[in-house]
Protein backbone atom coordinates (compact mmCIF):
# COMPACT_ATOMS: atom_id res chain seq x y z
CA MET A 1 -1.62 26.52 -18.80
CA LYS A 2 1.75 24.87 -18.23
CA LYS A 3 1.94 21.75 -16.08
CA VAL A 4 4.24 21.37 -13.08
CA TYR A 5 4.82 17.93 -11.55
CA THR A 6 6.23 16.84 -8.21
CA CYS A 7 6.18 13.52 -6.37
CA PHE A 8 5.78 12.97 -2.60
CA CYS A 9 6.85 9.92 -0.61
CA THR A 10 5.97 11.13 2.86
CA ASP A 11 3.55 10.31 5.66
CA VAL A 12 3.32 13.92 6.83
CA ILE A 13 2.99 17.13 4.83
CA HIS A 14 5.33 19.69 6.37
CA GLU A 15 6.61 23.13 5.45
CA GLY A 16 9.20 21.68 3.06
CA HIS A 17 6.47 20.14 0.91
CA LEU A 18 4.37 23.29 1.11
CA ASN A 19 7.38 25.32 0.01
CA ILE A 20 7.70 23.14 -3.11
CA ILE A 21 3.97 23.52 -3.85
CA ASN A 22 4.09 27.30 -3.44
CA GLU A 23 7.07 27.49 -5.76
CA ALA A 24 5.37 25.20 -8.27
CA LYS A 25 2.27 27.41 -8.40
CA LYS A 26 4.36 30.20 -9.88
CA TYR A 27 4.91 28.13 -13.02
CA GLY A 28 1.49 26.65 -13.76
CA GLU A 29 -0.97 23.89 -12.87
CA VAL A 30 0.37 21.75 -10.01
CA ILE A 31 0.11 17.97 -10.32
CA VAL A 32 1.27 15.86 -7.37
CA GLY A 33 2.26 12.21 -7.63
CA VAL A 34 2.04 10.02 -4.54
CA LEU A 35 4.52 7.17 -4.51
CA SER A 36 2.90 3.76 -4.04
CA ASP A 37 3.67 1.62 -1.01
CA GLU A 38 5.61 -0.88 -3.13
CA ALA A 39 7.83 1.81 -4.66
CA MET A 40 8.25 3.69 -1.39
CA ILE A 41 9.55 0.58 0.37
CA ARG A 42 12.21 0.03 -2.29
CA PHE A 43 14.20 3.16 -1.56
CA ASN A 44 12.62 5.01 1.34
CA ARG A 45 11.12 3.95 4.65
CA PHE A 46 8.03 1.89 5.29
CA PRO A 47 4.89 4.08 5.33
CA THR A 48 3.25 4.65 8.71
CA VAL A 49 -0.12 5.57 7.18
CA THR A 50 -2.12 3.93 4.41
CA PHE A 51 -1.68 4.79 0.77
CA GLN A 52 -5.24 6.17 0.69
CA GLU A 53 -4.43 8.51 3.57
CA ARG A 54 -1.34 9.75 1.73
CA LEU A 55 -3.46 10.41 -1.36
CA GLU A 56 -5.97 12.41 0.68
CA MET A 57 -3.21 14.48 2.28
CA ALA A 58 -1.92 15.49 -1.14
CA LYS A 59 -5.43 16.27 -2.41
CA ASN A 60 -6.04 18.58 0.56
CA ILE A 61 -3.03 20.80 -0.14
CA GLU A 62 -4.15 24.22 -1.32
CA GLY A 63 -3.06 24.89 -4.88
CA VAL A 64 -2.87 21.26 -6.01
CA SER A 65 -5.07 20.72 -9.05
CA ARG A 66 -4.62 16.98 -9.50
CA VAL A 67 -3.17 14.00 -7.62
CA ILE A 68 -2.01 10.84 -9.39
CA VAL A 69 -0.35 7.56 -8.38
CA GLN A 70 3.33 7.10 -9.16
CA ASP A 71 3.98 3.38 -8.81
CA GLU A 72 7.62 3.39 -9.92
CA ILE A 73 10.61 5.19 -8.44
CA MET A 74 11.79 6.38 -11.84
CA TYR A 75 9.55 8.88 -13.66
CA ASP A 76 9.37 7.26 -17.13
CA LYS A 77 5.72 6.22 -17.00
CA VAL A 78 4.35 9.34 -15.32
CA ILE A 79 6.23 11.78 -17.57
CA GLU A 80 5.08 9.93 -20.65
CA GLU A 81 1.48 10.17 -19.44
CA ILE A 82 1.29 13.83 -18.37
CA ARG A 83 4.23 15.40 -20.30
CA PRO A 84 4.88 18.12 -17.71
CA ASP A 85 6.56 21.36 -18.69
CA TYR A 86 8.38 21.35 -15.35
CA VAL A 87 9.33 18.80 -12.70
CA ILE A 88 10.04 20.40 -9.33
CA HIS A 89 11.94 18.77 -6.46
CA GLY A 90 14.08 19.62 -3.46
CA ASN A 91 17.74 19.99 -4.37
CA ASN A 92 18.62 17.00 -2.15
CA TRP A 93 18.37 14.95 -5.34
CA GLU A 94 21.51 16.60 -6.72
CA THR A 95 23.71 14.05 -4.90
CA PRO A 96 23.76 10.21 -4.97
CA PRO A 97 21.84 8.03 -4.70
CA LEU A 98 18.91 10.34 -5.61
CA LEU A 99 20.98 11.91 -8.39
CA SER A 100 20.13 8.97 -10.65
CA ILE A 101 16.43 9.89 -10.34
CA ARG A 102 17.20 13.48 -11.30
CA ASN A 103 19.27 12.29 -14.28
CA ASN A 104 16.37 10.07 -15.32
CA VAL A 105 13.96 13.02 -15.19
CA ALA A 106 16.36 15.30 -17.06
CA SER A 107 16.75 12.84 -19.95
CA LEU A 108 12.98 12.34 -20.19
CA LEU A 109 12.18 16.07 -20.16
CA ALA A 110 14.87 16.82 -22.74
CA LYS A 111 12.88 14.90 -25.35
CA PHE A 112 10.21 17.60 -25.45
CA GLY A 113 11.85 20.64 -23.92
CA GLY A 114 10.71 20.25 -20.31
CA GLU A 115 12.74 21.68 -17.43
CA ILE A 116 13.73 20.76 -13.88
CA ILE A 117 13.20 23.23 -11.04
CA ASP A 118 15.47 22.57 -8.06
CA VAL A 119 14.19 24.08 -4.81
CA PRO A 120 16.53 24.49 -1.80
CA TYR A 121 15.84 21.59 0.54
CA THR A 122 13.98 22.67 3.66
CA PHE A 123 15.66 21.47 6.82
CA ASN A 124 15.09 23.04 10.21
CA GLU A 125 14.18 21.99 13.74
CA ASN A 126 10.50 21.50 12.91
CA VAL A 127 11.20 19.31 9.89
CA ALA A 128 13.85 17.36 11.82
CA LEU A 129 11.38 16.78 14.67
CA ILE A 130 8.72 15.49 12.27
CA ASP A 131 11.24 13.15 10.67
CA GLN A 132 12.35 11.91 14.09
CA LYS A 133 8.75 11.26 15.17
CA ILE A 134 8.12 9.15 12.06
CA LYS A 135 11.24 7.08 12.81
CA GLU A 136 10.20 6.66 16.44
CA LYS A 137 6.76 5.51 15.35
CA LEU A 138 8.26 2.96 12.97
CA SER A 139 10.50 1.62 15.74
CA MET A 140 7.68 1.12 18.25
CA PRO A 141 6.99 -2.59 18.96
CA GLU A 142 3.35 -2.51 17.82
CA TYR A 143 4.34 -1.07 14.43
CA ARG A 144 7.55 -3.02 13.87
CA ARG A 145 6.09 -6.40 14.87
CA LYS A 146 3.38 -6.47 12.17
CA ARG A 147 5.61 -5.20 9.37
CA LEU A 148 6.97 -8.56 8.26
CA LYS A 149 3.51 -9.83 7.36
CA GLN A 150 2.84 -6.54 5.57
CA LEU A 151 6.07 -6.86 3.58
CA ILE A 152 5.28 -10.42 2.53
CA LYS A 153 2.11 -9.07 0.91
CA LEU A 154 3.82 -6.05 -0.69
CA ARG A 155 7.17 -7.43 -1.85
CA GLY A 156 7.99 -10.08 -4.40
CA ILE A 157 10.55 -11.35 -1.94
CA VAL A 158 11.52 -10.02 1.50
CA LYS A 159 15.30 -9.47 1.58
CA THR A 160 16.69 -10.06 5.06
CA LEU A 161 20.24 -9.32 6.25
CA GLU A 162 22.04 -10.73 9.27
CA VAL A 163 22.80 -8.23 12.03
CA HIS A 164 24.46 -8.77 15.40
CA SER A 165 24.91 -5.27 16.84
CA GLY A 166 23.55 -1.76 16.68
CA LEU A 167 26.12 -0.83 14.02
CA THR A 168 25.33 -3.78 11.74
CA GLY A 169 21.66 -2.94 12.29
CA LEU A 170 22.33 0.54 10.95
CA ILE A 171 24.02 -0.94 7.88
CA ALA A 172 20.92 -3.04 7.19
CA GLU A 173 18.71 -0.04 7.91
CA LYS A 174 20.44 2.58 5.78
CA THR A 175 22.08 0.80 2.86
CA VAL A 176 20.33 1.81 -0.37
CA VAL A 177 21.67 1.08 -3.86
CA GLU A 178 20.77 2.20 -7.33
CA HIS A 179 21.54 -0.23 -10.13
CA ASP A 180 20.36 -0.09 -13.73
CA GLY A 181 17.69 2.45 -12.87
CA GLU A 182 16.34 0.49 -9.90
CA PHE A 183 16.58 1.36 -6.22
CA ASP A 184 16.68 -1.31 -3.56
CA GLN A 185 17.35 -1.89 0.12
CA PHE A 186 16.98 -4.64 2.72
CA ASP A 187 13.49 -5.21 4.08
CA ALA A 188 14.20 -6.99 7.36
CA MET A 189 16.94 -8.10 9.75
CA TRP A 190 17.98 -11.56 10.91
CA ILE A 191 19.44 -11.97 14.40
CA SER A 192 21.38 -15.19 13.99
CA SER A 193 22.46 -17.30 16.95
CA LEU A 194 25.65 -18.17 15.04
CA CYS A 195 26.63 -14.55 14.44
CA ASP A 196 25.45 -13.37 17.85
CA SER A 197 27.58 -16.09 19.48
CA THR A 198 30.54 -15.39 17.20
CA ALA A 199 30.44 -11.65 17.99
CA LYS A 200 30.73 -12.61 21.66
CA GLY A 201 33.55 -15.07 20.99
CA LYS A 202 31.41 -18.05 22.02
CA PRO A 203 30.71 -21.36 20.21
CA ASP A 204 27.41 -21.76 18.38
CA ILE A 205 25.95 -24.39 20.73
CA GLU A 206 23.18 -22.32 22.37
CA LEU A 207 25.75 -21.30 25.00
CA VAL A 208 24.77 -17.62 24.83
CA ASP A 209 21.66 -17.41 26.98
CA MET A 210 18.42 -15.71 25.98
CA THR A 211 18.99 -12.76 28.30
CA SER A 212 22.16 -11.92 26.39
CA ARG A 213 20.46 -12.46 23.03
CA PHE A 214 17.60 -10.20 24.07
CA ARG A 215 20.18 -7.48 24.81
CA THR A 216 21.38 -7.78 21.20
CA ILE A 217 17.79 -7.30 20.04
CA SER A 218 17.50 -4.25 22.28
CA ASP A 219 20.71 -2.77 20.84
CA VAL A 220 19.34 -3.25 17.32
CA THR A 221 15.79 -2.02 17.97
CA GLU A 222 17.07 1.12 19.65
CA VAL A 223 18.61 2.42 16.41
CA THR A 224 16.55 0.81 13.63
CA THR A 225 12.98 0.51 12.36
CA LYS A 226 12.96 -2.60 10.18
CA PRO A 227 11.30 -5.86 11.23
CA ILE A 228 13.36 -8.53 12.97
CA ILE A 229 13.39 -12.29 12.45
CA PHE A 230 14.96 -14.10 15.41
CA ASP A 231 16.97 -17.30 15.14
CA GLY A 232 15.55 -19.43 17.94
CA ASP A 233 17.69 -22.53 17.24
CA THR A 234 15.66 -25.51 18.50
CA GLY A 235 13.51 -23.28 20.70
CA GLY A 236 14.77 -25.22 23.72
CA LYS A 237 12.27 -26.88 26.00
CA THR A 238 8.66 -26.15 25.16
CA GLU A 239 8.18 -24.75 28.66
CA HIS A 240 10.96 -22.23 27.96
CA LEU A 241 9.88 -21.44 24.40
CA VAL A 242 6.55 -20.01 25.53
CA TYR A 243 8.38 -17.38 27.60
CA THR A 244 10.73 -16.63 24.70
CA VAL A 245 7.76 -16.05 22.39
CA ARG A 246 6.09 -13.70 24.87
CA THR A 247 9.30 -11.70 25.33
CA LEU A 248 10.04 -11.43 21.62
CA GLU A 249 6.48 -10.35 20.92
CA ARG A 250 6.68 -7.69 23.60
CA MET A 251 9.99 -6.41 22.18
CA GLY A 252 8.46 -5.97 18.72
CA VAL A 253 10.19 -8.89 16.99
CA SER A 254 8.19 -10.11 13.99
CA ALA A 255 9.09 -13.79 13.90
CA ILE A 256 11.04 -16.62 15.46
CA ILE A 257 12.42 -19.51 13.43
CA ILE A 258 12.83 -22.79 15.31
CA GLU A 259 14.42 -25.92 13.85
CA ASP A 260 13.15 -29.46 14.23
CA LYS A 261 16.20 -30.86 16.05
CA VAL A 262 16.85 -31.91 19.64
CA GLY A 263 19.90 -32.15 21.84
CA LEU A 264 23.05 -30.03 21.86
CA LYS A 265 22.95 -27.71 18.88
CA LYS A 266 25.36 -28.35 16.01
CA ASN A 267 25.43 -25.97 13.06
CA SER A 268 23.34 -27.33 10.20
CA LEU A 269 26.05 -26.79 7.61
CA PHE A 270 28.02 -29.66 9.19
CA GLY A 271 25.15 -31.92 8.09
CA THR A 272 25.81 -35.61 8.73
CA ASP A 273 29.51 -34.95 9.47
CA VAL A 274 28.51 -34.49 13.10
CA GLU A 275 25.84 -36.25 15.12
CA GLN A 276 22.53 -34.37 14.87
CA THR A 277 19.16 -35.66 15.99
CA GLN A 278 15.96 -34.60 14.30
CA ASP A 279 12.91 -34.12 16.50
CA THR A 280 9.86 -36.31 15.98
CA ILE A 281 7.03 -34.78 13.99
CA GLU A 282 4.64 -35.25 16.90
CA HIS A 283 6.85 -33.56 19.49
CA PHE A 284 7.76 -30.62 17.26
CA CYS A 285 4.11 -30.09 16.32
CA LYS A 286 3.25 -29.94 20.01
CA LYS A 287 6.02 -27.37 20.52
CA ILE A 288 4.61 -25.21 17.69
CA SER A 289 1.00 -25.42 18.85
CA THR A 290 1.91 -24.67 22.48
CA ALA A 291 3.95 -21.62 21.45
CA LYS A 292 1.14 -20.35 19.22
CA LYS A 293 -1.35 -20.54 22.08
CA VAL A 294 0.60 -18.06 24.23
CA GLN A 295 0.78 -15.35 21.54
CA LEU A 296 -1.04 -12.15 22.40
CA THR A 297 -1.26 -10.74 18.86
CA ASP A 298 -1.85 -12.05 15.35
CA ASP A 299 1.24 -10.19 14.12
CA PHE A 300 3.93 -12.51 15.50
CA MET A 301 5.05 -15.44 13.34
CA ILE A 302 6.42 -18.81 14.37
CA ILE A 303 8.31 -20.31 11.44
CA ALA A 304 9.26 -23.99 11.40
CA ARG A 305 12.69 -24.84 10.04
CA ILE A 306 12.94 -28.28 8.46
CA GLU A 307 16.30 -30.09 8.58
CA SER A 308 15.37 -33.16 6.53
CA LEU A 309 17.48 -32.18 3.50
CA ILE A 310 20.44 -31.22 5.68
CA LEU A 311 20.30 -34.61 7.42
CA GLU A 312 19.69 -36.46 4.12
CA LYS A 313 16.30 -37.78 5.20
CA GLY A 314 14.82 -37.15 1.77
CA MET A 315 12.28 -34.93 0.05
CA GLU A 316 9.18 -36.81 1.18
CA ASP A 317 10.21 -36.53 4.83
CA ALA A 318 10.65 -32.76 4.38
CA LEU A 319 7.23 -32.41 2.76
CA GLU A 320 5.54 -34.60 5.37
CA ARG A 321 6.99 -32.39 8.10
CA ALA A 322 5.96 -29.22 6.29
CA ARG A 323 2.36 -30.40 6.07
CA ALA A 324 2.28 -31.39 9.72
CA PHE A 325 3.94 -28.20 10.98
CA VAL A 326 1.54 -25.96 9.05
CA LYS A 327 -1.37 -27.96 10.42
CA ALA A 328 0.04 -27.48 13.94
CA GLY A 329 -0.05 -23.70 13.43
CA ALA A 330 3.31 -22.74 11.92
CA ASP A 331 3.10 -19.37 10.14
CA GLY A 332 5.83 -20.25 7.68
CA ILE A 333 8.22 -22.98 6.58
CA MET A 334 11.98 -22.60 6.29
CA ILE A 335 13.69 -25.24 4.17
CA HIS A 336 17.47 -25.57 4.35
CA SER A 337 20.19 -27.30 2.35
CA ARG A 338 23.98 -27.42 2.45
CA LYS A 339 24.35 -28.33 -1.22
CA LYS A 340 25.88 -25.77 -3.56
CA ASN A 341 23.23 -26.51 -6.19
CA PRO A 342 19.77 -25.11 -5.35
CA ALA A 343 17.95 -27.94 -7.17
CA GLU A 344 16.60 -29.73 -4.09
CA ILE A 345 15.47 -26.46 -2.51
CA LEU A 346 13.61 -25.48 -5.67
CA GLU A 347 12.11 -28.97 -5.92
CA PHE A 348 10.81 -28.71 -2.36
CA CYS A 349 9.35 -25.26 -3.03
CA ASP A 350 7.58 -26.45 -6.20
CA LYS A 351 6.10 -29.49 -4.50
CA PHE A 352 5.07 -27.58 -1.39
CA ARG A 353 3.50 -24.81 -3.47
CA ALA A 354 1.51 -27.39 -5.45
CA GLU A 355 -0.21 -28.27 -2.17
CA ASP A 356 -0.08 -24.96 -0.30
CA GLN A 357 -0.19 -21.62 -2.14
CA THR A 358 -0.27 -19.32 0.91
CA THR A 359 2.10 -20.40 3.70
CA PRO A 360 5.30 -18.31 3.43
CA ILE A 361 8.50 -20.14 2.46
CA VAL A 362 11.86 -19.00 3.84
CA VAL A 363 15.26 -19.97 2.42
CA VAL A 364 18.85 -19.20 3.44
CA PRO A 365 21.09 -19.36 0.35
CA SER A 366 24.46 -19.62 2.12
CA SER A 367 25.68 -22.73 0.29
CA PHE A 368 23.51 -22.50 -2.84
CA ASN A 369 24.47 -18.85 -3.31
CA THR A 370 24.31 -18.75 -7.12
CA VAL A 371 20.51 -18.65 -7.16
CA THR A 372 18.98 -15.19 -7.52
CA GLU A 373 16.11 -13.67 -5.59
CA ALA A 374 14.05 -13.54 -8.79
CA GLU A 375 14.55 -17.28 -9.36
CA LEU A 376 13.57 -18.05 -5.78
CA ALA A 377 10.45 -15.91 -6.11
CA GLN A 378 9.45 -17.83 -9.25
CA HIS A 379 9.41 -20.98 -7.14
CA GLY A 380 7.23 -19.45 -4.43
CA VAL A 381 9.82 -18.26 -1.94
CA ASN A 382 8.70 -15.28 0.17
CA ILE A 383 11.69 -14.53 2.40
CA VAL A 384 15.40 -14.86 1.64
CA ILE A 385 17.85 -14.54 4.54
CA TYR A 386 21.49 -13.58 4.03
CA ALA A 387 22.38 -15.23 7.29
CA ASN A 388 26.07 -14.58 8.00
CA GLN A 389 27.62 -12.46 5.25
CA LEU A 390 28.32 -9.36 7.38
CA THR A 391 30.13 -11.43 10.00
CA ARG A 392 32.10 -13.34 7.38
CA SER A 393 33.13 -10.16 5.55
CA ALA A 394 34.17 -8.32 8.72
CA PHE A 395 36.47 -10.99 10.16
CA PRO A 396 39.03 -11.25 7.31
CA ALA A 397 39.16 -7.46 6.98
CA MET A 398 39.85 -6.98 10.71
CA GLU A 399 42.36 -9.82 10.81
CA ALA A 400 44.28 -8.40 7.83
CA THR A 401 44.40 -4.97 9.49
CA ALA A 402 45.66 -6.43 12.77
CA LYS A 403 48.41 -8.40 10.97
CA ASP A 404 49.61 -5.35 9.01
CA ILE A 405 49.83 -3.19 12.13
CA LEU A 406 51.99 -5.88 13.72
CA ARG A 407 54.04 -6.26 10.53
CA TYR A 408 54.80 -2.54 9.99
CA HIS A 409 54.67 -1.38 13.62
CA ARG A 410 52.40 1.51 12.62
CA ALA A 411 48.96 2.10 11.09
CA LYS A 412 49.82 4.04 7.92
CA GLU A 413 49.90 0.97 5.64
CA VAL A 414 46.31 0.03 6.52
CA ASP A 415 44.82 3.51 6.35
CA ASP A 416 43.90 3.49 2.65
CA ARG A 417 41.53 0.57 3.08
CA LEU A 418 39.81 1.91 6.20
CA MET A 419 36.57 3.82 6.19
CA PRO A 420 36.97 7.32 7.71
CA ILE A 421 35.63 7.37 11.25
CA LYS A 422 33.51 10.42 10.33
CA LYS A 423 31.65 8.32 7.75
CA ILE A 424 30.95 5.62 10.32
CA ILE A 425 29.74 8.16 12.84
CA SER A 426 27.46 9.68 10.19
CA LEU A 427 25.44 6.44 10.24
CA ILE A 428 24.47 7.20 13.83
CA ASP A 429 21.59 9.61 14.28
CA GLU A 430 21.78 12.22 17.00
CA LEU A 431 18.66 13.41 18.77
């Protein structure tokens, strides 16, 4: 009997999947692959049910003879193992970025005469409603909040992109790339005080109050599902921080990062060029422990940001603070540097990991931007934050457009470099 293979990456079996199975049965024995959590996260959405539950759903479909695990997005391994006569899939993979998967399958099957069966993609009100319900579930605070800790366990490194509005949130949410046979997307979002302030035309000195910053979070959470890491600057007074933590937790934010400085905030990248005062270890530890005590769930993370390298206090000071902050209850350590060479960051990570193998390490490679995610992961980094790149890329583009409109007294000269408004609108989902 001929073998027919299909792969599912879904939390719910709906009529579209059943249609594929029914079509597959016409050609032979039906084998279903269930995409692993790790692979699913790389190019699709985060699963809302466990991998075991997804396996059981596939096993319970009438007409399925065997269910296997597909732990890679591309089909090389699974096709080599089962050598199917047919691979069946919805025809939505005939366009990018899924087209690269189809091309991969076609080249593999061609080696032994296998064929692809393209089934018209099922899309109707019922399927759309199921899809919408899954998105709504992912966006709920109780699901979103715990996802950062889940990602740290599942991903080699959690890629986090700065967002400062609903639209930039959608860019972080929906951008998927295929490169050299690999799919990837961002895992989480960073709501930076610098970029939030800049978007509002205000200086980055903690001038924008928390009520306004919470509105930015609300704008982002309304249209996205990915976990959020919040830039809490110094955290302010301890008495205020406890209310901030409670509010963020209630909103579904996964983590707050607070830096060990006091006084009027000055951006860290100025380093010793401006006066910046580092908090005492004792006071900052008290701030961490007090904030941890008011948490209502185990999902929320308080991450301590260490400024010792920025302020040229030395490696041992940074490590001493890291030890103390973890002991005080910090769920992670962020280490920062304004040097273009990542050497001191990697040295810190190596030394910290020699003492502590479990506490997550966060880095923000704005200055030392030549280091790759793979290199950082080799040194024990868990989260990398691209902290301001969307803001920095948008400003020169908008300024150039404004200047050319003034220069030519019309908009024609700028039109070729503008994204069509229809494409922008297509990012926005309609209910």
